[in-house]
C-alpha atoms as a PDB file:
ATOM      1  CA  UNK A   1     102.672  97.998 124.366  1.00  0.00           C
ATOM      2  CA  UNK A   2     105.938  96.126 123.804  1.00  0.00           C
ATOM      3  CA  UNK A   3     105.680  92.535 122.511  1.00  0.00           C
ATOM      4  CA  UNK A   4     108.807  90.479 121.785  1.00  0.00           C
ATOM      5  CA  UNK A   5     109.060  87.024 120.215  1.00  0.00           C
ATOM      6  CA  UNK A   6     111.988  84.773 121.127  1.00  0.00           C
ATOM      7  CA  UNK A   7     112.959  81.971 118.768  1.00  0.00           C
ATOM      8  CA  UNK A   8     115.815  79.484 118.926  1.00  0.00           C
ATOM      9  CA  UNK A   9     117.066  78.238 115.580  1.00  0.00           C
ATOM     10  CA  UNK A  10     119.551  75.825 114.066  1.00  0.00           C
ATOM     11  CA  UNK A  11     119.679  75.523 110.271  1.00  0.00           C
ATOM     12  CA  UNK A  12     116.200  76.940 109.648  1.00  0.00           C
ATOM     13  CA  UNK A  13     116.887  78.609 106.274  1.00  0.00           C
ATOM     14  CA  UNK A  14     113.780  77.044 104.709  1.00  0.00           C
ATOM     15  CA  UNK A  15     111.403  78.560 107.292  1.00  0.00           C
ATOM     16  CA  UNK A  16     113.123  81.542 108.871  1.00  0.00           C
ATOM     17  CA  UNK A  17     112.313  84.356 106.433  1.00  0.00           C
ATOM     18  CA  UNK A  18     108.626  83.412 106.344  1.00  0.00           C
ATOM     19  CA  UNK A  19     108.536  83.269 110.147  1.00  0.00           C
ATOM     20  CA  UNK A  20     110.193  86.678 110.652  1.00  0.00           C
ATOM     21  CA  UNK A  21     107.954  88.352 108.082  1.00  0.00           C
ATOM     22  CA  UNK A  22     104.905  86.904 109.810  1.00  0.00           C
ATOM     23  CA  UNK A  23     106.099  88.223 113.186  1.00  0.00           C
ATOM     24  CA  UNK A  24     106.599  91.689 111.700  1.00  0.00           C
ATOM     25  CA  UNK A  25     103.170  91.637 110.067  1.00  0.00           C
ATOM     26  CA  UNK A  26     101.729  90.885 113.518  1.00  0.00           C
ATOM     27  CA  UNK A  27     103.460  93.929 115.035  1.00  0.00           C
ATOM     28  CA  UNK A  28     106.134  91.999 116.948  1.00  0.00           C
ATOM     29  CA  UNK A  29     109.850  92.493 117.555  1.00  0.00           C
ATOM     30  CA  UNK A  30     112.040  89.414 117.991  1.00  0.00           C
ATOM     31  CA  UNK A  31     115.182  87.951 119.541  1.00  0.00           C
ATOM     32  CA  UNK A  32     117.033  85.198 117.660  1.00  0.00           C
ATOM     33  CA  UNK A  33     118.987  82.515 119.528  1.00  0.00           C
ATOM     34  CA  UNK A  34     121.311  80.919 116.989  1.00  0.00           C
ATOM     35  CA  UNK A  35     122.314  77.371 117.984  1.00  0.00           C
ATOM     36  CA  UNK A  36     125.440  77.506 115.781  1.00  0.00           C
ATOM     37  CA  UNK A  37     123.612  77.266 112.451  1.00  0.00           C
ATOM     38  CA  UNK A  38     125.749  76.086 109.541  1.00  0.00           C
ATOM     39  CA  UNK A  39     123.349  77.087 106.747  1.00  0.00           C
ATOM     40  CA  UNK A  40     122.316  80.562 105.582  1.00  0.00           C
ATOM     41  CA  UNK A  41     120.172  81.344 108.649  1.00  0.00           C
ATOM     42  CA  UNK A  42     122.527  84.118 109.838  1.00  0.00           C
ATOM     43  CA  UNK A  43     122.399  85.811 106.450  1.00  0.00           C
ATOM     44  CA  UNK A  44     118.593  85.674 106.553  1.00  0.00           C
ATOM     45  CA  UNK A  45     118.029  87.226 109.992  1.00  0.00           C
ATOM     46  CA  UNK A  46     120.781  89.741 109.193  1.00  0.00           C
ATOM     47  CA  UNK A  47     118.882  91.162 106.203  1.00  0.00           C
ATOM     48  CA  UNK A  48     118.039  94.860 106.230  1.00  0.00           C
ATOM     49  CA  UNK A  49     114.311  94.111 105.953  1.00  0.00           C
ATOM     50  CA  UNK A  50     114.397  92.612 109.474  1.00  0.00           C
ATOM     51  CA  UNK A  51     116.805  95.072 111.137  1.00  0.00           C
ATOM     52  CA  UNK A  52     114.190  97.411 112.609  1.00  0.00           C
ATOM     53  CA  UNK A  53     112.502  94.564 114.492  1.00  0.00           C
ATOM     54  CA  UNK A  54     115.563  92.505 115.483  1.00  0.00           C
ATOM     55  CA  UNK A  55     116.144  93.229 119.179  1.00  0.00           C
ATOM     56  CA  UNK A  56     119.265  91.110 119.517  1.00  0.00           C
ATOM     57  CA  UNK A  57     121.016  87.936 118.353  1.00  0.00           C
ATOM     58  CA  UNK A  58     122.376  85.505 120.936  1.00  0.00           C
ATOM     59  CA  UNK A  59     124.576  82.475 120.339  1.00  0.00           C
ATOM     60  CA  UNK A  60     123.830  79.121 121.953  1.00  0.00           C
ATOM     61  CA  UNK A  61     126.793  76.763 121.422  1.00  0.00           C
ATOM     62  CA  UNK A  62     125.814  73.507 119.729  1.00  0.00           C
ATOM     63  CA  UNK A  63     126.685  70.532 121.938  1.00  0.00           C
ATOM     64  CA  UNK A  64     126.469  67.963 119.135  1.00  0.00           C
ATOM     65  CA  UNK A  65     122.819  67.024 119.677  1.00  0.00           C
ATOM     66  CA  UNK A  66     119.504  68.853 119.976  1.00  0.00           C
ATOM     67  CA  UNK A  67     118.826  69.914 123.580  1.00  0.00           C
ATOM     68  CA  UNK A  68     115.398  71.319 124.375  1.00  0.00           C
ATOM     69  CA  UNK A  69     116.424  71.969 127.979  1.00  0.00           C
ATOM     70  CA  UNK A  70     119.386  74.110 126.892  1.00  0.00           C
ATOM     71  CA  UNK A  71     117.223  76.095 124.492  1.00  0.00           C
ATOM     72  CA  UNK A  72     114.498  76.743 127.065  1.00  0.00           C
ATOM     73  CA  UNK A  73     117.025  77.729 129.718  1.00  0.00           C
ATOM     74  CA  UNK A  74     118.627  80.231 127.340  1.00  0.00           C
ATOM     75  CA  UNK A  75     115.209  81.570 126.385  1.00  0.00           C
ATOM     76  CA  UNK A  76     114.270  82.158 130.016  1.00  0.00           C
ATOM     77  CA  UNK A  77     117.549  83.986 130.675  1.00  0.00           C
ATOM     78  CA  UNK A  78     116.836  86.289 127.744  1.00  0.00           C
ATOM     79  CA  UNK A  79     113.175  86.777 128.599  1.00  0.00           C
ATOM     80  CA  UNK A  80     113.997  87.720 132.189  1.00  0.00           C
ATOM     81  CA  UNK A  81     116.344  90.423 130.884  1.00  0.00           C
ATOM     82  CA  UNK A  82     113.882  91.814 128.336  1.00  0.00           C
ATOM     83  CA  UNK A  83     111.914  94.978 128.971  1.00  0.00           C
ATOM     84  CA  UNK A  84     108.799  93.608 127.310  1.00  0.00           C
ATOM     85  CA  UNK A  85     105.130  93.705 128.294  1.00  0.00           C
ATOM     86  CA  UNK A  86     104.442  90.361 126.573  1.00  0.00           C
ATOM     87  CA  UNK A  87     106.729  87.627 125.287  1.00  0.00           C
ATOM     88  CA  UNK A  88     106.092  85.073 122.539  1.00  0.00           C
ATOM     89  CA  UNK A  89     107.724  81.638 122.413  1.00  0.00           C
ATOM     90  CA  UNK A  90     107.792  80.612 118.755  1.00  0.00           C
ATOM     91  CA  UNK A  91     109.630  78.177 116.461  1.00  0.00           C
ATOM     92  CA  UNK A  92     110.704  78.972 112.918  1.00  0.00           C
ATOM     93  CA  UNK A  93     108.100  76.667 111.353  1.00  0.00           C
ATOM     94  CA  UNK A  94     105.168  78.223 113.218  1.00  0.00           C
ATOM     95  CA  UNK A  95     102.758  81.082 112.666  1.00  0.00           C
ATOM     96  CA  UNK A  96     100.305  82.476 115.210  1.00  0.00           C
ATOM     97  CA  UNK A  97      97.181  84.498 114.669  1.00  0.00           C
ATOM     98  CA  UNK A  98      94.016  85.678 116.336  1.00  0.00           C
ATOM     99  CA  UNK A  99      90.641  84.135 115.620  1.00  0.00           C
ATOM    100  CA  UNK A 100      89.230  87.616 115.012  1.00  0.00           C
ATOM    101  CA  UNK A 101      89.262  88.563 111.358  1.00  0.00           C
ATOM    102  CA  UNK A 102      91.686  91.412 110.617  1.00  0.00           C
ATOM    103  CA  UNK A 103      93.139  91.495 114.161  1.00  0.00           C
ATOM    104  CA  UNK A 104      96.935  91.136 114.287  1.00  0.00           C
ATOM    105  CA  UNK A 105      98.533  89.404 117.246  1.00  0.00           C
ATOM    106  CA  UNK A 106      99.720  92.620 118.871  1.00  0.00           C
ATOM    107  CA  UNK A 107      96.164  94.000 118.778  1.00  0.00           C
ATOM    108  CA  UNK A 108      94.831  90.747 120.227  1.00  0.00           C
ATOM    109  CA  UNK A 109      97.307  90.934 123.103  1.00  0.00           C
ATOM    110  CA  UNK A 110      96.358  94.558 123.769  1.00  0.00           C
ATOM    111  CA  UNK A 111      92.718  93.496 123.979  1.00  0.00           C
ATOM    112  CA  UNK A 112      93.469  90.547 126.285  1.00  0.00           C
ATOM    113  CA  UNK A 113      95.766  92.693 128.420  1.00  0.00           C
ATOM    114  CA  UNK A 114      92.976  95.226 128.943  1.00  0.00           C
ATOM    115  CA  UNK A 115      90.666  92.371 129.990  1.00  0.00           C
ATOM    116  CA  UNK A 116      93.143  91.230 132.651  1.00  0.00           C
ATOM    117  CA  UNK A 117      94.557  88.071 131.052  1.00  0.00           C
ATOM    118  CA  UNK A 118      98.268  87.318 131.361  1.00  0.00           C
ATOM    119  CA  UNK A 119      98.681  84.041 129.442  1.00  0.00           C
ATOM    120  CA  UNK A 120      97.256  83.074 126.041  1.00  0.00           C
ATOM    121  CA  UNK A 121      96.224  79.501 125.295  1.00  0.00           C
ATOM    122  CA  UNK A 122      96.423  78.320 121.694  1.00  0.00           C
ATOM    123  CA  UNK A 123      94.686  75.757 119.554  1.00  0.00           C
ATOM    124  CA  UNK A 124      97.423  74.055 117.524  1.00  0.00           C
ATOM    125  CA  UNK A 125      96.964  72.737 113.988  1.00  0.00           C
ATOM    126  CA  UNK A 126      99.763  70.829 112.260  1.00  0.00           C
ATOM    127  CA  UNK A 127      99.768  71.290 108.466  1.00  0.00           C
ATOM    128  CA  UNK A 128     101.228  68.474 106.356  1.00  0.00           C
ATOM    129  CA  UNK A 129     102.858  68.896 102.908  1.00  0.00           C
ATOM    130  CA  UNK A 130     101.185  65.865 101.344  1.00  0.00           C
ATOM    131  CA  UNK A 131     100.078  67.287  97.989  1.00  0.00           C
ATOM    132  CA  UNK A 132     102.231  70.435  97.993  1.00  0.00           C
ATOM    133  CA  UNK A 133     105.629  71.182  99.492  1.00  0.00           C
ATOM    134  CA  UNK A 134     106.328  73.984 101.931  1.00  0.00           C
ATOM    135  CA  UNK A 135     107.409  77.098 100.009  1.00  0.00           C
ATOM    136  CA  UNK A 136     110.414  79.057 101.379  1.00  0.00           C
ATOM    137  CA  UNK A 137     110.519  82.822 100.822  1.00  0.00           C
ATOM    138  CA  UNK A 138     106.779  82.995 100.206  1.00  0.00           C
ATOM    139  CA  UNK A 139     104.504  85.933 100.943  1.00  0.00           C
ATOM    140  CA  UNK A 140     101.163  84.952 102.439  1.00  0.00           C
ATOM    141  CA  UNK A 141      99.812  81.605 103.567  1.00  0.00           C
ATOM    142  CA  UNK A 142     101.298  78.318 102.461  1.00  0.00           C
ATOM    143  CA  UNK A 143      99.402  76.261  99.808  1.00  0.00           C
ATOM    144  CA  UNK A 144      98.956  73.342 102.226  1.00  0.00           C
ATOM    145  CA  UNK A 145      95.462  72.117 103.048  1.00  0.00           C
ATOM    146  CA  UNK A 146      95.959  68.867 105.003  1.00  0.00           C
ATOM    147  CA  UNK A 147      96.234  69.251 108.768  1.00  0.00           C
ATOM    148  CA  UNK A 148      95.344  67.723 112.103  1.00  0.00           C
ATOM    149  CA  UNK A 149      94.502  69.211 115.472  1.00  0.00           C
ATOM    150  CA  UNK A 150      97.196  68.709 118.098  1.00  0.00           C
ATOM    151  CA  UNK A 151      95.992  67.933 121.620  1.00  0.00           C
ATOM    152  CA  UNK A 152      98.607  68.324 124.396  1.00  0.00           C
ATOM    153  CA  UNK A 153      99.266  65.058 126.206  1.00  0.00           C
ATOM    154  CA  UNK A 154      99.776  64.611 129.919  1.00  0.00           C
ATOM    155  CA  UNK A 155     103.371  64.927 131.161  1.00  0.00           C
ATOM    156  CA  UNK A 156     105.245  61.734 132.175  1.00  0.00           C
ATOM    157  CA  UNK A 157     105.163  60.712 135.865  1.00  0.00           C
ATOM    158  CA  UNK A 158     108.785  61.788 136.458  1.00  0.00           C
ATOM    159  CA  UNK A 159     108.323  65.309 135.072  1.00  0.00           C
ATOM    160  CA  UNK A 160     107.699  66.733 138.550  1.00  0.00           C
ATOM    161  CA  UNK A 161     104.158  67.898 137.765  1.00  0.00           C
ATOM    162  CA  UNK A 162     101.239  67.514 140.166  1.00  0.00           C
ATOM    163  CA  UNK A 163      98.716  64.851 139.172  1.00  0.00           C
ATOM    164  CA  UNK A 164      95.598  66.215 137.532  1.00  0.00           C
ATOM    165  CA  UNK A 165      97.175  69.527 136.484  1.00  0.00           C
ATOM    166  CA  UNK A 166      95.842  70.674 133.138  1.00  0.00           C
ATOM    167  CA  UNK A 167      98.275  71.748 130.435  1.00  0.00           C
ATOM    168  CA  UNK A 168      97.728  74.381 127.790  1.00  0.00           C
ATOM    169  CA  UNK A 169      99.678  75.438 124.704  1.00  0.00           C
ATOM    170  CA  UNK A 170     100.695  78.718 126.307  1.00  0.00           C
ATOM    171  CA  UNK A 171     103.156  80.247 123.862  1.00  0.00           C
ATOM    172  CA  UNK A 172     102.447  83.862 124.834  1.00  0.00           C
ATOM    173  CA  UNK A 173     102.477  85.357 128.317  1.00  0.00           C
ATOM    174  CA  UNK A 174     103.016  88.508 130.313  1.00  0.00           C
ATOM    175  CA  UNK A 175     106.200  88.219 132.443  1.00  0.00           C
ATOM    176  CA  UNK A 176     106.580  86.978 135.081  1.00  0.00           C
ATOM    177  CA  UNK A 177     103.345  84.970 134.760  1.00  0.00           C
ATOM    178  CA  UNK A 178     104.942  81.639 133.893  1.00  0.00           C
ATOM    179  CA  UNK A 179     108.216  79.864 133.252  1.00  0.00           C
ATOM    180  CA  UNK A 180     109.233  77.447 130.538  1.00  0.00           C
ATOM    181  CA  UNK A 181     109.704  73.886 131.664  1.00  0.00           C
ATOM    182  CA  UNK A 182     110.679  70.884 129.574  1.00  0.00           C
ATOM    183  CA  UNK A 183     109.716  67.279 130.046  1.00  0.00           C
ATOM    184  CA  UNK A 184     112.578  65.062 131.204  1.00  0.00           C
ATOM    185  CA  UNK A 185     111.273  62.253 128.988  1.00  0.00           C
ATOM    186  CA  UNK A 186     110.267  62.901 125.398  1.00  0.00           C
ATOM    187  CA  UNK A 187     110.336  60.916 122.193  1.00  0.00           C
ATOM    188  CA  UNK A 188     112.976  61.990 119.699  1.00  0.00           C
ATOM    189  CA  UNK A 189     110.442  62.855 116.983  1.00  0.00           C
ATOM    190  CA  UNK A 190     108.229  65.035 119.209  1.00  0.00           C
ATOM    191  CA  UNK A 191     109.854  67.060 121.942  1.00  0.00           C
ATOM    192  CA  UNK A 192     107.223  69.099 123.718  1.00  0.00           C
ATOM    193  CA  UNK A 193     107.810  72.091 125.963  1.00  0.00           C
ATOM    194  CA  UNK A 194     105.536  72.102 129.010  1.00  0.00           C
ATOM    195  CA  UNK A 195     104.406  75.343 130.574  1.00  0.00           C
ATOM    196  CA  UNK A 196     103.521  75.449 134.248  1.00  0.00           C
ATOM    197  CA  UNK A 197     101.685  78.577 135.281  1.00  0.00           C
ATOM    198  CA  UNK A 198     102.565  80.315 138.525  1.00  0.00           C
ATOM    199  CA  UNK A 199      99.933  81.395 141.094  1.00  0.00           C
ATOM    200  CA  UNK A 200      97.805  84.246 139.818  1.00  0.00           C
ATOM    201  CA  UNK A 201      97.974  83.174 136.192  1.00  0.00           C
ATOM    202  CA  UNK A 202      94.857  83.805 134.138  1.00  0.00           C
ATOM    203  CA  UNK A 203      94.745  81.817 130.914  1.00  0.00           C
ATOM    204  CA  UNK A 204      92.707  83.348 128.106  1.00  0.00           C
ATOM    205  CA  UNK A 205      89.912  81.517 126.321  1.00  0.00           C
ATOM    206  CA  UNK A 206      90.982  78.476 124.312  1.00  0.00           C
ATOM    207  CA  UNK A 207      89.745  79.910 121.022  1.00  0.00           C
ATOM    208  CA  UNK A 208      91.383  83.327 121.298  1.00  0.00           C
ATOM    209  CA  UNK A 209      94.337  82.372 119.159  1.00  0.00           C
ATOM    210  CA  UNK A 210      95.624  79.710 116.831  1.00  0.00           C
ATOM    211  CA  UNK A 211      99.051  78.189 116.293  1.00  0.00           C
ATOM    212  CA  UNK A 212      99.917  76.618 112.953  1.00  0.00           C
ATOM    213  CA  UNK A 213     102.954  74.477 112.253  1.00  0.00           C
ATOM    214  CA  UNK A 214     104.307  73.571 108.821  1.00  0.00           C
ATOM    215  CA  UNK A 215     107.104  71.037 108.717  1.00  0.00           C
ATOM    216  CA  UNK A 216     108.052  68.261 106.289  1.00  0.00           C
ATOM    217  CA  UNK A 217     106.783  64.830 107.377  1.00  0.00           C
ATOM    218  CA  UNK A 218     108.027  62.352 104.749  1.00  0.00           C
ATOM    219  CA  UNK A 219     107.153  59.382 106.948  1.00  0.00           C
ATOM    220  CA  UNK A 220     103.493  60.401 106.860  1.00  0.00           C
ATOM    221  CA  UNK A 221     103.416  61.372 103.182  1.00  0.00           C
ATOM    222  CA  UNK A 222     104.497  57.834 102.219  1.00  0.00           C
ATOM    223  CA  UNK A 223     101.513  56.218 103.940  1.00  0.00           C
END
């Protein structure tokens, strides 16, 4: 079974190597969309240790400001052209894993695929570097113990979403089960991608997988 992760990056040198190693350890290949990074990100994803799993590198011109809509549109163009059984939408500061001990993500997707699921819902936990900083170029889990559970909020009224529709953190799906959609209104410090499932979508159990984020939050650490 072919599973490909797609990540868009801009100046992610602190997180990128850890992210790519985690994807490889989970049996995944990956596509990198480089939003005109000016740091050492290109040198990192160009390393020989990642070459066997790097499907392709695509450039997304930087327009001068972060654009979630542009990133999601580019991701969907790439995903639609991929010959992949499952696709994974991931950011550089995230790791994903199964709740089953010793089961890598590719094995979990094989199991869910055999059971007839085509979208995976995630529980998301945000880890905060309050006592210890995030460690770049680190093998294994980060030494960060403080976290909170993230609960997806309802989309704004002008997002074009039917009232009462439930949203999941669906970062993994079997094409063409669903399409990426972004909210037209989002606060600058938390831009959330919304995923609207197409007819026939079967979302796996909430506790089948877990998404962890690790990003510096100095505004919280000062409280």
